[in-house]
Amino acid sequence: MYLIWGYYDSERFKTLDEKCILFVTRIKSNIKYEIIDIEGKSKVIRLVSNGYTLRLVSIKKAGDDYEHLTNIHDLPDEYIDEIYGRRRSIEEFFRTMKKISS
Protein backbone atom coordinates (compact mmCIF):
# COMPACT_ATOMS: atom_id res chain seq x y z
CA MET A 1 0.00 0.00 0.00
CA TYR A 2 1.26 3.46 -0.89
CA LEU A 3 0.03 6.86 0.14
CA ILE A 4 0.06 9.84 -2.19
CA TRP A 5 -1.01 13.28 -1.07
CA GLY A 6 -1.36 16.53 -2.89
CA TYR A 7 -1.61 14.94 -6.32
CA TYR A 8 -4.69 15.86 -8.36
CA ASP A 9 -5.92 14.16 -11.49
CA SER A 10 -9.57 13.11 -11.50
CA GLU A 11 -8.99 10.57 -14.28
CA ARG A 12 -6.17 8.93 -12.35
CA PHE A 13 -8.06 8.50 -9.06
CA LYS A 14 -9.67 5.27 -10.23
CA THR A 15 -6.36 3.83 -11.44
CA LEU A 16 -4.70 4.60 -8.11
CA ASP A 17 -7.59 3.02 -6.22
CA GLU A 18 -7.49 -0.13 -8.36
CA LYS A 19 -3.78 -0.47 -7.51
CA CYS A 20 -4.59 -0.08 -3.76
CA ILE A 21 -2.78 3.25 -3.65
CA LEU A 22 -4.32 5.52 -1.06
CA PHE A 23 -4.44 9.24 -1.72
CA VAL A 24 -5.47 12.49 -0.09
CA THR A 25 -5.68 15.69 -2.08
CA ARG A 26 -7.46 19.00 -1.88
CA ILE A 27 -10.64 19.49 -3.84
CA LYS A 28 -10.48 22.03 -6.62
CA SER A 29 -13.03 24.82 -6.43
CA ASN A 30 -14.42 24.16 -9.90
CA ILE A 31 -14.95 20.39 -9.51
CA LYS A 32 -18.51 19.26 -10.09
CA TYR A 33 -19.90 16.41 -7.99
CA GLU A 34 -23.08 15.00 -6.57
CA ILE A 35 -23.51 13.84 -2.98
CA ILE A 36 -24.31 10.13 -2.74
CA ASP A 37 -24.21 9.60 1.03
CA ILE A 38 -23.15 11.26 4.26
CA GLU A 39 -20.79 9.47 6.66
CA GLY A 40 -20.66 11.54 9.86
CA LYS A 41 -19.23 14.89 8.80
CA SER A 42 -17.85 13.49 5.54
CA LYS A 43 -19.69 13.06 2.28
CA VAL A 44 -19.43 10.30 -0.27
CA ILE A 45 -19.49 12.03 -3.64
CA ARG A 46 -19.52 11.06 -7.32
CA LEU A 47 -17.44 13.16 -9.68
CA VAL A 48 -19.51 14.37 -12.63
CA SER A 49 -16.49 14.25 -14.96
CA ASN A 50 -15.89 10.50 -14.71
CA GLY A 51 -18.42 9.01 -12.28
CA TYR A 52 -15.76 8.04 -9.76
CA THR A 53 -16.81 7.86 -6.11
CA LEU A 54 -14.67 9.47 -3.40
CA ARG A 55 -14.91 10.70 0.16
CA LEU A 56 -15.04 14.46 0.69
CA VAL A 57 -13.70 15.45 4.11
CA SER A 58 -14.52 18.95 5.34
CA ILE A 59 -12.57 20.36 8.29
CA LYS A 60 -12.89 23.74 9.95
CA LYS A 61 -9.75 24.94 11.76
CA ALA A 62 -9.06 28.38 13.16
CA GLY A 63 -11.98 29.81 11.18
CA ASP A 64 -10.76 28.37 7.87
CA ASP A 65 -12.47 25.60 5.90
CA TYR A 66 -10.43 22.80 4.34
CA GLU A 67 -11.79 20.16 1.98
CA HIS A 68 -9.93 17.03 0.98
CA LEU A 69 -10.74 14.23 -1.44
CA THR A 70 -9.64 10.73 -0.54
CA ASN A 71 -10.25 7.06 -1.18
CA ILE A 72 -9.63 6.32 2.51
CA HIS A 73 -12.97 5.60 4.13
CA ASP A 74 -11.96 4.11 7.48
CA LEU A 75 -10.02 6.95 9.14
CA PRO A 76 -11.49 9.88 11.07
CA ASP A 77 -11.71 13.26 9.34
CA GLU A 78 -8.97 14.69 11.57
CA TYR A 79 -6.51 11.98 10.44
CA ILE A 80 -7.22 12.75 6.79
CA ASP A 81 -6.52 16.42 7.49
CA GLU A 82 -3.30 15.49 9.32
CA ILE A 83 -2.14 13.40 6.37
CA TYR A 84 -2.69 16.32 4.00
CA GLY A 85 -1.17 18.71 6.55
CA ARG A 86 2.13 16.85 6.29
CA ARG A 87 2.27 17.97 2.67
CA ARG A 88 1.96 21.58 3.79
CA SER A 89 4.86 21.09 6.20
CA ILE A 90 7.04 19.65 3.46
CA GLU A 91 6.22 22.56 1.13
CA GLU A 92 7.09 25.07 3.86
CA PHE A 93 10.41 23.30 4.42
CA PHE A 94 11.31 23.47 0.71
CA ARG A 95 10.23 27.13 0.52
CA THR A 96 12.53 27.92 3.47
CA MET A 97 15.41 26.01 1.88
CA LYS A 98 14.99 27.94 -1.38
CA LYS A 99 15.15 31.25 0.50
CA ILE A 100 18.29 30.19 2.32
CA SER A 101 20.04 29.02 -0.84
CA SER A 102 19.26 32.12 -2.90
PDB file of N, CA and C in Angstrom:
ATOM      1  N   MET A   1       0.847  -1.170   0.000  1.00  0.00           N
ATOM      2  CA  MET A   1       0.000   0.000   0.000  1.00  0.00           C
ATOM      3  C   MET A   1       0.896   1.237   0.000  1.00  0.00           C
ATOM      4  N   TYR A   2       0.547   2.198  -0.795  1.00  0.00           N
ATOM      5  CA  TYR A   2       1.262   3.465  -0.886  1.00  0.00           C
ATOM      6  C   TYR A   2       0.308   4.575  -0.489  1.00  0.00           C
ATOM      7  N   LEU A   3       0.852   5.701  -0.148  1.00  0.00           N
ATOM      8  CA  LEU A   3       0.028   6.860   0.140  1.00  0.00           C
ATOM      9  C   LEU A   3       0.568   8.042  -0.635  1.00  0.00           C
ATOM     10  N   ILE A   4      -0.296   8.661  -1.411  1.00  0.00           N
ATOM     11  CA  ILE A   4       0.058   9.837  -2.189  1.00  0.00           C
ATOM     12  C   ILE A   4      -0.802  10.984  -1.671  1.00  0.00           C
ATOM     13  N   TRP A   5      -0.199  12.139  -1.464  1.00  0.00           N
ATOM     14  CA  TRP A   5      -1.012  13.284  -1.068  1.00  0.00           C
ATOM     15  C   TRP A   5      -0.630  14.470  -1.931  1.00  0.00           C
ATOM     16  N   GLY A   6      -1.622  15.317  -2.140  1.00  0.00           N
ATOM     17  CA  GLY A   6      -1.357  16.532  -2.893  1.00  0.00           C
ATOM     18  C   GLY A   6      -1.464  16.385  -4.396  1.00  0.00           C
ATOM     19  N   TYR A   7      -1.553  15.179  -4.888  1.00  0.00           N
ATOM     20  CA  TYR A   7      -1.612  14.936  -6.322  1.00  0.00           C
ATOM     21  C   TYR A   7      -3.062  15.064  -6.784  1.00  0.00           C
ATOM     22  N   TYR A   8      -3.315  15.698  -7.911  1.00  0.00           N
ATOM     23  CA  TYR A   8      -4.693  15.862  -8.358  1.00  0.00           C
ATOM     24  C   TYR A   8      -4.832  15.558  -9.837  1.00  0.00           C
ATOM     25  N   ASP A   9      -5.581  14.506 -10.126  1.00  0.00           N
ATOM     26  CA  ASP A   9      -5.923  14.156 -11.495  1.00  0.00           C
ATOM     27  C   ASP A   9      -7.163  13.279 -11.423  1.00  0.00           C
ATOM     28  N   SER A  10      -8.314  13.842 -11.698  1.00  0.00           N
ATOM     29  CA  SER A  10      -9.567  13.114 -11.504  1.00  0.00           C
ATOM     30  C   SER A  10      -9.650  11.843 -12.336  1.00  0.00           C
ATOM     31  N   GLU A  11      -8.980  11.786 -13.465  1.00  0.00           N
ATOM     32  CA  GLU A  11      -8.987  10.572 -14.282  1.00  0.00           C
ATOM     33  C   GLU A  11      -8.099   9.480 -13.675  1.00  0.00           C
ATOM     34  N   ARG A  12      -7.112   9.893 -12.916  1.00  0.00           N
ATOM     35  CA  ARG A  12      -6.167   8.928 -12.355  1.00  0.00           C
ATOM     36  C   ARG A  12      -6.621   8.353 -11.020  1.00  0.00           C
ATOM     37  N   PHE A  13      -7.593   8.978 -10.358  1.00  0.00           N
ATOM     38  CA  PHE A  13      -8.057   8.498  -9.059  1.00  0.00           C
ATOM     39  C   PHE A  13      -8.458   7.023  -9.109  1.00  0.00           C
ATOM     40  N   LYS A  14      -9.205   6.648 -10.121  1.00  0.00           N
ATOM     41  CA  LYS A  14      -9.670   5.268 -10.233  1.00  0.00           C
ATOM     42  C   LYS A  14      -8.500   4.309 -10.410  1.00  0.00           C
ATOM     43  N   THR A  15      -7.536   4.679 -11.227  1.00  0.00           N
ATOM     44  CA  THR A  15      -6.359   3.833 -11.444  1.00  0.00           C
ATOM     45  C   THR A  15      -5.591   3.637 -10.143  1.00  0.00           C
ATOM     46  N   LEU A  16      -5.396   4.708  -9.391  1.00  0.00           N
ATOM     47  CA  LEU A  16      -4.697   4.597  -8.114  1.00  0.00           C
ATOM     48  C   LEU A  16      -5.449   3.671  -7.163  1.00  0.00           C
ATOM     49  N   ASP A  17      -6.760   3.831  -7.107  1.00  0.00           N
ATOM     50  CA  ASP A  17      -7.585   3.018  -6.216  1.00  0.00           C
ATOM     51  C   ASP A  17      -7.522   1.541  -6.607  1.00  0.00           C
ATOM     52  N   GLU A  18      -7.572   1.258  -7.897  1.00  0.00           N
ATOM     53  CA  GLU A  18      -7.495  -0.132  -8.361  1.00  0.00           C
ATOM     54  C   GLU A  18      -6.160  -0.781  -8.004  1.00  0.00           C
ATOM     55  N   LYS A  19      -5.107   0.045  -7.880  1.00  0.00           N
ATOM     56  CA  LYS A  19      -3.783  -0.471  -7.506  1.00  0.00           C
ATOM     57  C   LYS A  19      -3.566  -0.425  -5.989  1.00  0.00           C
ATOM     58  N   CYS A  20      -4.641  -0.171  -5.235  1.00  0.00           N
ATOM     59  CA  CYS A  20      -4.590  -0.085  -3.765  1.00  0.00           C
ATOM     60  C   CYS A  20      -3.651   1.016  -3.282  1.00  0.00           C
ATOM     61  N   ILE A  21      -3.577   2.092  -4.044  1.00  0.00           N
ATOM     62  CA  ILE A  21      -2.777   3.249  -3.653  1.00  0.00           C
ATOM     63  C   ILE A  21      -3.726   4.267  -3.036  1.00  0.00           C
ATOM     64  N   LEU A  22      -3.484   4.571  -1.774  1.00  0.00           N
ATOM     65  CA  LEU A  22      -4.324   5.519  -1.060  1.00  0.00           C
ATOM     66  C   LEU A  22      -3.867   6.933  -1.386  1.00  0.00           C
ATOM     67  N   PHE A  23      -4.807   7.856  -1.450  1.00  0.00           N
ATOM     68  CA  PHE A  23      -4.444   9.241  -1.725  1.00  0.00           C
ATOM     69  C   PHE A  23      -5.324  10.198  -0.955  1.00  0.00           C
ATOM     70  N   VAL A  24      -4.757  11.363  -0.690  1.00  0.00           N
ATOM     71  CA  VAL A  24      -5.467  12.486  -0.087  1.00  0.00           C
ATOM     72  C   VAL A  24      -5.037  13.714  -0.874  1.00  0.00           C
ATOM     73  N   THR A  25      -5.981  14.480  -1.341  1.00  0.00           N
ATOM     74  CA  THR A  25      -5.678  15.692  -2.082  1.00  0.00           C
ATOM     75  C   THR A  25      -6.739  16.730  -1.764  1.00  0.00           C
ATOM     76  N   ARG A  26      -6.453  17.963  -2.093  1.00  0.00           N
ATOM     77  CA  ARG A  26      -7.464  19.002  -1.878  1.00  0.00           C
ATOM     78  C   ARG A  26      -8.469  18.937  -3.023  1.00  0.00           C
ATOM     79  N   ILE A  27      -9.644  19.438  -2.770  1.00  0.00           N
ATOM     80  CA  ILE A  27     -10.643  19.488  -3.836  1.00  0.00           C
ATOM     81  C   ILE A  27     -10.484  20.823  -4.559  1.00  0.00           C
ATOM     82  N   LYS A  28     -10.549  20.787  -5.846  1.00  0.00           N
ATOM     83  CA  LYS A  28     -10.482  22.033  -6.623  1.00  0.00           C
ATOM     84  C   LYS A  28     -11.832  22.731  -6.555  1.00  0.00           C
ATOM     85  N   SER A  29     -11.797  24.041  -6.596  1.00  0.00           N
ATOM     86  CA  SER A  29     -13.027  24.823  -6.426  1.00  0.00           C
ATOM     87  C   SER A  29     -14.012  24.653  -7.576  1.00  0.00           C
ATOM     88  N   ASN A  30     -13.517  24.266  -8.743  1.00  0.00           N
ATOM     89  CA  ASN A  30     -14.419  24.157  -9.901  1.00  0.00           C
ATOM     90  C   ASN A  30     -14.880  22.717 -10.169  1.00  0.00           C
ATOM     91  N   ILE A  31     -14.555  21.783  -9.286  1.00  0.00           N
ATOM     92  CA  ILE A  31     -14.946  20.389  -9.514  1.00  0.00           C
ATOM     93  C   ILE A  31     -16.453  20.231  -9.309  1.00  0.00           C
ATOM     94  N   LYS A  32     -17.062  19.494 -10.180  1.00  0.00           N
ATOM     95  CA  LYS A  32     -18.505  19.260 -10.087  1.00  0.00           C
ATOM     96  C   LYS A  32     -18.730  17.834  -9.577  1.00  0.00           C
ATOM     97  N   TYR A  33     -19.616  17.715  -8.584  1.00  0.00           N
ATOM     98  CA  TYR A  33     -19.899  16.412  -7.988  1.00  0.00           C
ATOM     99  C   TYR A  33     -21.318  16.373  -7.469  1.00  0.00           C
ATOM    100  N   GLU A  34     -21.781  15.169  -7.209  1.00  0.00           N
ATOM    101  CA  GLU A  34     -23.080  14.998  -6.571  1.00  0.00           C
ATOM    102  C   GLU A  34     -22.867  14.197  -5.292  1.00  0.00           C
ATOM    103  N   ILE A  35     -23.624  14.520  -4.262  1.00  0.00           N
ATOM    104  CA  ILE A  35     -23.510  13.838  -2.980  1.00  0.00           C
ATOM    105  C   ILE A  35     -24.320  12.547  -3.049  1.00  0.00           C
ATOM    106  N   ILE A  36     -23.665  11.434  -2.729  1.00  0.00           N
ATOM    107  CA  ILE A  36     -24.314  10.127  -2.737  1.00  0.00           C
ATOM    108  C   ILE A  36     -24.773   9.736  -1.338  1.00  0.00           C
ATOM    109  N   ASP A  37     -23.922  10.018  -0.335  1.00  0.00           N
ATOM    110  CA  ASP A  37     -24.211   9.599   1.032  1.00  0.00           C
ATOM    111  C   ASP A  37     -23.461  10.531   1.980  1.00  0.00           C
ATOM    112  N   ILE A  38     -23.846  10.495   3.233  1.00  0.00           N
ATOM    113  CA  ILE A  38     -23.154  11.260   4.259  1.00  0.00           C
ATOM    114  C   ILE A  38     -22.694  10.281   5.324  1.00  0.00           C
ATOM    115  N   GLU A  39     -21.391  10.319   5.631  1.00  0.00           N
ATOM    116  CA  GLU A  39     -20.791   9.475   6.663  1.00  0.00           C
ATOM    117  C   GLU A  39     -20.275  10.379   7.768  1.00  0.00           C
ATOM    118  N   GLY A  40     -21.060  10.599   8.804  1.00  0.00           N
ATOM    119  CA  GLY A  40     -20.660  11.536   9.856  1.00  0.00           C
ATOM    120  C   GLY A  40     -20.595  12.931   9.278  1.00  0.00           C
ATOM    121  N   LYS A  41     -19.416  13.559   9.370  1.00  0.00           N
ATOM    122  CA  LYS A  41     -19.228  14.892   8.803  1.00  0.00           C
ATOM    123  C   LYS A  41     -18.760  14.832   7.354  1.00  0.00           C
ATOM    124  N   SER A  42     -18.337  13.669   6.919  1.00  0.00           N
ATOM    125  CA  SER A  42     -17.848  13.495   5.544  1.00  0.00           C
ATOM    126  C   SER A  42     -18.991  13.178   4.601  1.00  0.00           C
ATOM    127  N   LYS A  43     -18.721  13.383   3.319  1.00  0.00           N
ATOM    128  CA  LYS A  43     -19.695  13.057   2.278  1.00  0.00           C
ATOM    129  C   LYS A  43     -19.063  12.074   1.313  1.00  0.00           C
ATOM    130  N   VAL A  44     -19.862  11.155   0.835  1.00  0.00           N
ATOM    131  CA  VAL A  44     -19.434  10.303  -0.270  1.00  0.00           C
ATOM    132  C   VAL A  44     -19.981  10.973  -1.516  1.00  0.00           C
ATOM    133  N   ILE A  45     -19.080  11.274  -2.451  1.00  0.00           N
ATOM    134  CA  ILE A  45     -19.486  12.027  -3.639  1.00  0.00           C
ATOM    135  C   ILE A  45     -19.143  11.252  -4.910  1.00  0.00           C
ATOM    136  N   ARG A  46     -19.822  11.606  -5.990  1.00  0.00           N
ATOM    137  CA  ARG A  46     -19.521  11.063  -7.316  1.00  0.00           C
ATOM    138  C   ARG A  46     -19.107  12.230  -8.195  1.00  0.00           C
ATOM    139  N   LEU A  47     -17.919  12.116  -8.783  1.00  0.00           N
ATOM    140  CA  LEU A  47     -17.440  13.160  -9.677  1.00  0.00           C
ATOM    141  C   LEU A  47     -18.246  13.128 -10.967  1.00  0.00           C
ATOM    142  N   VAL A  48     -18.715  14.274 -11.402  1.00  0.00           N
ATOM    143  CA  VAL A  48     -19.508  14.368 -12.625  1.00  0.00           C
ATOM    144  C   VAL A  48     -18.640  14.042 -13.840  1.00  0.00           C
ATOM    145  N   SER A  49     -17.366  14.414 -13.794  1.00  0.00           N
ATOM    146  CA  SER A  49     -16.485  14.248 -14.957  1.00  0.00           C
ATOM    147  C   SER A  49     -16.267  12.791 -15.353  1.00  0.00           C
ATOM    148  N   ASN A  50     -16.180  11.894 -14.362  1.00  0.00           N
ATOM    149  CA  ASN A  50     -15.890  10.499 -14.707  1.00  0.00           C
ATOM    150  C   ASN A  50     -16.686   9.472 -13.901  1.00  0.00           C
ATOM    151  N   GLY A  51     -17.581   9.922 -13.034  1.00  0.00           N
ATOM    152  CA  GLY A  51     -18.423   9.008 -12.277  1.00  0.00           C
ATOM    153  C   GLY A  51     -17.729   8.316 -11.122  1.00  0.00           C
ATOM    154  N   TYR A  52     -16.501   8.698 -10.830  1.00  0.00           N
ATOM    155  CA  TYR A  52     -15.755   8.044  -9.765  1.00  0.00           C
ATOM    156  C   TYR A  52     -16.250   8.502  -8.396  1.00  0.00           C
ATOM    157  N   THR A  53     -16.314   7.583  -7.452  1.00  0.00           N
ATOM    158  CA  THR A  53     -16.810   7.856  -6.110  1.00  0.00           C
ATOM    159  C   THR A  53     -15.647   8.047  -5.144  1.00  0.00           C
ATOM    160  N   LEU A  54     -15.716   9.133  -4.369  1.00  0.00           N
ATOM    161  CA  LEU A  54     -14.674   9.473  -3.401  1.00  0.00           C
ATOM    162  C   LEU A  54     -15.303   9.966  -2.109  1.00  0.00           C
ATOM    163  N   ARG A  55     -14.484  10.108  -1.105  1.00  0.00           N
ATOM    164  CA  ARG A  55     -14.906  10.696   0.163  1.00  0.00           C
ATOM    165  C   ARG A  55     -14.448  12.154   0.189  1.00  0.00           C
ATOM    166  N   LEU A  56     -15.346  13.035   0.538  1.00  0.00           N
ATOM    167  CA  LEU A  56     -15.041  14.458   0.685  1.00  0.00           C
ATOM    168  C   LEU A  56     -15.040  14.784   2.172  1.00  0.00           C
ATOM    169  N   VAL A  57     -13.870  15.136   2.690  1.00  0.00           N
ATOM    170  CA  VAL A  57     -13.701  15.451   4.106  1.00  0.00           C
ATOM    171  C   VAL A  57     -13.632  16.963   4.252  1.00  0.00           C
ATOM    172  N   SER A  58     -14.502  17.510   5.082  1.00  0.00           N
ATOM    173  CA  SER A  58     -14.523  18.953   5.343  1.00  0.00           C
ATOM    174  C   SER A  58     -14.107  19.191   6.787  1.00  0.00           C
ATOM    175  N   ILE A  59     -13.107  20.045   6.961  1.00  0.00           N
ATOM    176  CA  ILE A  59     -12.571  20.357   8.286  1.00  0.00           C
ATOM    177  C   ILE A  59     -12.576  21.871   8.457  1.00  0.00           C
ATOM    178  N   LYS A  60     -12.968  22.317   9.632  1.00  0.00           N
ATOM    179  CA  LYS A  60     -12.893  23.739   9.954  1.00  0.00           C
ATOM    180  C   LYS A  60     -11.857  23.889  11.065  1.00  0.00           C
ATOM    181  N   LYS A  61     -10.808  24.692  10.785  1.00  0.00           N
ATOM    182  CA  LYS A  61      -9.748  24.937  11.765  1.00  0.00           C
ATOM    183  C   LYS A  61      -9.430  26.412  11.787  1.00  0.00           C
ATOM    184  N   ALA A  62      -9.417  26.966  12.977  1.00  0.00           N
ATOM    185  CA  ALA A  62      -9.065  28.376  13.161  1.00  0.00           C
ATOM    186  C   ALA A  62      -9.845  29.289  12.217  1.00  0.00           C
ATOM    187  N   GLY A  63     -11.122  28.982  12.029  1.00  0.00           N
ATOM    188  CA  GLY A  63     -11.977  29.812  11.182  1.00  0.00           C
ATOM    189  C   GLY A  63     -11.848  29.561   9.698  1.00  0.00           C
ATOM    190  N   ASP A  64     -10.943  28.681   9.290  1.00  0.00           N
ATOM    191  CA  ASP A  64     -10.761  28.369   7.873  1.00  0.00           C
ATOM    192  C   ASP A  64     -11.372  27.000   7.564  1.00  0.00           C
ATOM    193  N   ASP A  65     -11.906  26.880   6.355  1.00  0.00           N
ATOM    194  CA  ASP A  65     -12.469  25.602   5.900  1.00  0.00           C
ATOM    195  C   ASP A  65     -11.487  24.916   4.973  1.00  0.00           C
ATOM    196  N   TYR A  66     -11.297  23.621   5.185  1.00  0.00           N
ATOM    197  CA  TYR A  66     -10.433  22.801   4.341  1.00  0.00           C
ATOM    198  C   TYR A  66     -11.249  21.620   3.841  1.00  0.00           C
ATOM    199  N   GLU A  67     -11.099  21.312   2.557  1.00  0.00           N
ATOM    200  CA  GLU A  67     -11.794  20.165   1.978  1.00  0.00           C
ATOM    201  C   GLU A  67     -10.784  19.277   1.263  1.00  0.00           C
ATOM    202  N   HIS A  68     -10.853  17.995   1.557  1.00  0.00           N
ATOM    203  CA  HIS A  68      -9.932  17.027   0.982  1.00  0.00           C
ATOM    204  C   HIS A  68     -10.715  15.891   0.334  1.00  0.00           C
ATOM    205  N   LEU A  69     -10.203  15.422  -0.787  1.00  0.00           N
ATOM    206  CA  LEU A  69     -10.740  14.230  -1.442  1.00  0.00           C
ATOM    207  C   LEU A  69      -9.834  13.062  -1.100  1.00  0.00           C
ATOM    208  N   THR A  70     -10.434  11.902  -0.861  1.00  0.00           N
ATOM    209  CA  THR A  70      -9.641  10.727  -0.542  1.00  0.00           C
ATOM    210  C   THR A  70     -10.399   9.449  -0.894  1.00  0.00           C
ATOM    211  N   ASN A  71      -9.643   8.372  -1.031  1.00  0.00           N
ATOM    212  CA  ASN A  71     -10.253   7.057  -1.178  1.00  0.00           C
ATOM    213  C   ASN A  71     -10.109   6.267   0.118  1.00  0.00           C
ATOM    214  N   ILE A  72      -9.726   6.945   1.193  1.00  0.00           N
ATOM    215  CA  ILE A  72      -9.626   6.324   2.513  1.00  0.00           C
ATOM    216  C   ILE A  72     -10.947   6.554   3.233  1.00  0.00           C
ATOM    217  N   HIS A  73     -11.642   5.473   3.524  1.00  0.00           N
ATOM    218  CA  HIS A  73     -12.966   5.601   4.134  1.00  0.00           C
ATOM    219  C   HIS A  73     -12.996   5.220   5.605  1.00  0.00           C
ATOM    220  N   ASP A  74     -11.911   4.654   6.120  1.00  0.00           N
ATOM    221  CA  ASP A  74     -11.959   4.111   7.478  1.00  0.00           C
ATOM    222  C   ASP A  74     -11.139   4.895   8.506  1.00  0.00           C
ATOM    223  N   LEU A  75     -10.737   6.100   8.186  1.00  0.00           N
ATOM    224  CA  LEU A  75     -10.022   6.948   9.143  1.00  0.00           C
ATOM    225  C   LEU A  75     -10.867   8.175   9.471  1.00  0.00           C
ATOM    226  N   PRO A  76     -10.745   8.671  10.709  1.00  0.00           N
ATOM    227  CA  PRO A  76     -11.488   9.883  11.070  1.00  0.00           C
ATOM    228  C   PRO A  76     -11.065  11.082  10.227  1.00  0.00           C
ATOM    229  N   ASP A  77     -11.961  12.044  10.118  1.00  0.00           N
ATOM    230  CA  ASP A  77     -11.705  13.258   9.341  1.00  0.00           C
ATOM    231  C   ASP A  77     -10.407  13.942   9.760  1.00  0.00           C
ATOM    232  N   GLU A  78     -10.152  14.001  11.058  1.00  0.00           N
ATOM    233  CA  GLU A  78      -8.966  14.685  11.574  1.00  0.00           C
ATOM    234  C   GLU A  78      -7.688  14.014  11.082  1.00  0.00           C
ATOM    235  N   TYR A  79      -7.684  12.692  10.948  1.00  0.00           N
ATOM    236  CA  TYR A  79      -6.508  11.983  10.440  1.00  0.00           C
ATOM    237  C   TYR A  79      -6.264  12.318   8.971  1.00  0.00           C
ATOM    238  N   ILE A  80      -7.347  12.393   8.208  1.00  0.00           N
ATOM    239  CA  ILE A  80      -7.216  12.752   6.791  1.00  0.00           C
ATOM    240  C   ILE A  80      -6.605  14.145   6.671  1.00  0.00           C
ATOM    241  N   ASP A  81      -7.076  15.073   7.495  1.00  0.00           N
ATOM    242  CA  ASP A  81      -6.521  16.424   7.491  1.00  0.00           C
ATOM    243  C   ASP A  81      -5.054  16.411   7.910  1.00  0.00           C
ATOM    244  N   GLU A  82      -4.699  15.594   8.877  1.00  0.00           N
ATOM    245  CA  GLU A  82      -3.302  15.490   9.325  1.00  0.00           C
ATOM    246  C   GLU A  82      -2.415  14.942   8.209  1.00  0.00           C
ATOM    247  N   ILE A  83      -2.902  13.960   7.492  1.00  0.00           N
ATOM    248  CA  ILE A  83      -2.140  13.403   6.367  1.00  0.00           C
ATOM    249  C   ILE A  83      -1.862  14.502   5.343  1.00  0.00           C
ATOM    250  N   TYR A  84      -2.883  15.243   4.974  1.00  0.00           N
ATOM    251  CA  TYR A  84      -2.686  16.324   4.005  1.00  0.00           C
ATOM    252  C   TYR A  84      -1.819  17.430   4.589  1.00  0.00           C
ATOM    253  N   GLY A  85      -1.953  17.677   5.890  1.00  0.00           N
ATOM    254  CA  GLY A  85      -1.166  18.705   6.553  1.00  0.00           C
ATOM    255  C   GLY A  85       0.329  18.440   6.480  1.00  0.00           C
ATOM    256  N   ARG A  86       0.710  17.183   6.412  1.00  0.00           N
ATOM    257  CA  ARG A  86       2.135  16.851   6.287  1.00  0.00           C
ATOM    258  C   ARG A  86       2.682  17.369   4.955  1.00  0.00           C
ATOM    259  N   ARG A  87       1.859  17.402   3.954  1.00  0.00           N
ATOM    260  CA  ARG A  87       2.270  17.971   2.672  1.00  0.00           C
ATOM    261  C   ARG A  87       2.591  19.451   2.838  1.00  0.00           C
ATOM    262  N   ARG A  88       1.726  20.157   3.556  1.00  0.00           N
ATOM    263  CA  ARG A  88       1.963  21.584   3.786  1.00  0.00           C
ATOM    264  C   ARG A  88       3.290  21.807   4.497  1.00  0.00           C
ATOM    265  N   SER A  89       3.595  20.965   5.474  1.00  0.00           N
ATOM    266  CA  SER A  89       4.864  21.085   6.205  1.00  0.00           C
ATOM    267  C   SER A  89       6.056  20.881   5.285  1.00  0.00           C
ATOM    268  N   ILE A  90       5.955  19.917   4.404  1.00  0.00           N
ATOM    269  CA  ILE A  90       7.042  19.650   3.457  1.00  0.00           C
ATOM    270  C   ILE A  90       7.228  20.830   2.516  1.00  0.00           C
ATOM    271  N   GLU A  91       6.130  21.394   2.017  1.00  0.00           N
ATOM    272  CA  GLU A  91       6.222  22.555   1.130  1.00  0.00           C
ATOM    273  C   GLU A  91       6.850  23.750   1.836  1.00  0.00           C
ATOM    274  N   GLU A  92       6.490  23.964   3.108  1.00  0.00           N
ATOM    275  CA  GLU A  92       7.086  25.068   3.864  1.00  0.00           C
ATOM    276  C   GLU A  92       8.583  24.848   4.038  1.00  0.00           C
ATOM    277  N   PHE A  93       9.000  23.618   4.285  1.00  0.00           N
ATOM    278  CA  PHE A  93      10.413  23.301   4.421  1.00  0.00           C
ATOM    279  C   PHE A  93      11.165  23.641   3.129  1.00  0.00           C
ATOM    280  N   PHE A  94      10.638  23.197   1.979  1.00  0.00           N
ATOM    281  CA  PHE A  94      11.310  23.471   0.707  1.00  0.00           C
ATOM    282  C   PHE A  94      11.336  24.968   0.401  1.00  0.00           C
ATOM    283  N   ARG A  95      10.270  25.680   0.730  1.00  0.00           N
ATOM    284  CA  ARG A  95      10.234  27.128   0.520  1.00  0.00           C
ATOM    285  C   ARG A  95      11.328  27.806   1.348  1.00  0.00           C
ATOM    286  N   THR A  96      11.481  27.377   2.596  1.00  0.00           N
ATOM    287  CA  THR A  96      12.529  27.917   3.467  1.00  0.00           C
ATOM    288  C   THR A  96      13.911  27.621   2.902  1.00  0.00           C
ATOM    289  N   MET A  97      14.116  26.390   2.431  1.00  0.00           N
ATOM    290  CA  MET A  97      15.408  26.012   1.880  1.00  0.00           C
ATOM    291  C   MET A  97      15.749  26.824   0.636  1.00  0.00           C
ATOM    292  N   LYS A  98      14.761  27.120  -0.190  1.00  0.00           N
ATOM    293  CA  LYS A  98      14.992  27.939  -1.380  1.00  0.00           C
ATOM    294  C   LYS A  98      15.414  29.352  -0.990  1.00  0.00           C
ATOM    295  N   LYS A  99      14.786  29.908   0.044  1.00  0.00           N
ATOM    296  CA  LYS A  99      15.147  31.251   0.497  1.00  0.00           C
ATOM    297  C   LYS A  99      16.574  31.283   1.022  1.00  0.00           C
ATOM    298  N   ILE A 100      16.953  30.261   1.753  1.00  0.00           N
ATOM    299  CA  ILE A 100      18.293  30.192   2.323  1.00  0.00           C
ATOM    300  C   ILE A 100      19.348  30.073   1.226  1.00  0.00           C
ATOM    301  N   SER A 101      19.052  29.269   0.208  1.00  0.00           N
ATOM    302  CA  SER A 101      20.042  29.015  -0.838  1.00  0.00           C
ATOM    303  C   SER A 101      20.136  30.146  -1.865  1.00  0.00           C
ATOM    304  N   SER A 102      19.187  31.060  -1.892  1.00  0.00           N
ATOM    305  CA  SER A 102      19.262  32.125  -2.899  1.00  0.00           C
ATOM    306  C   SER A 102      19.865  33.391  -2.387  1.00  0.00           C
TER     307      SER A 102
END
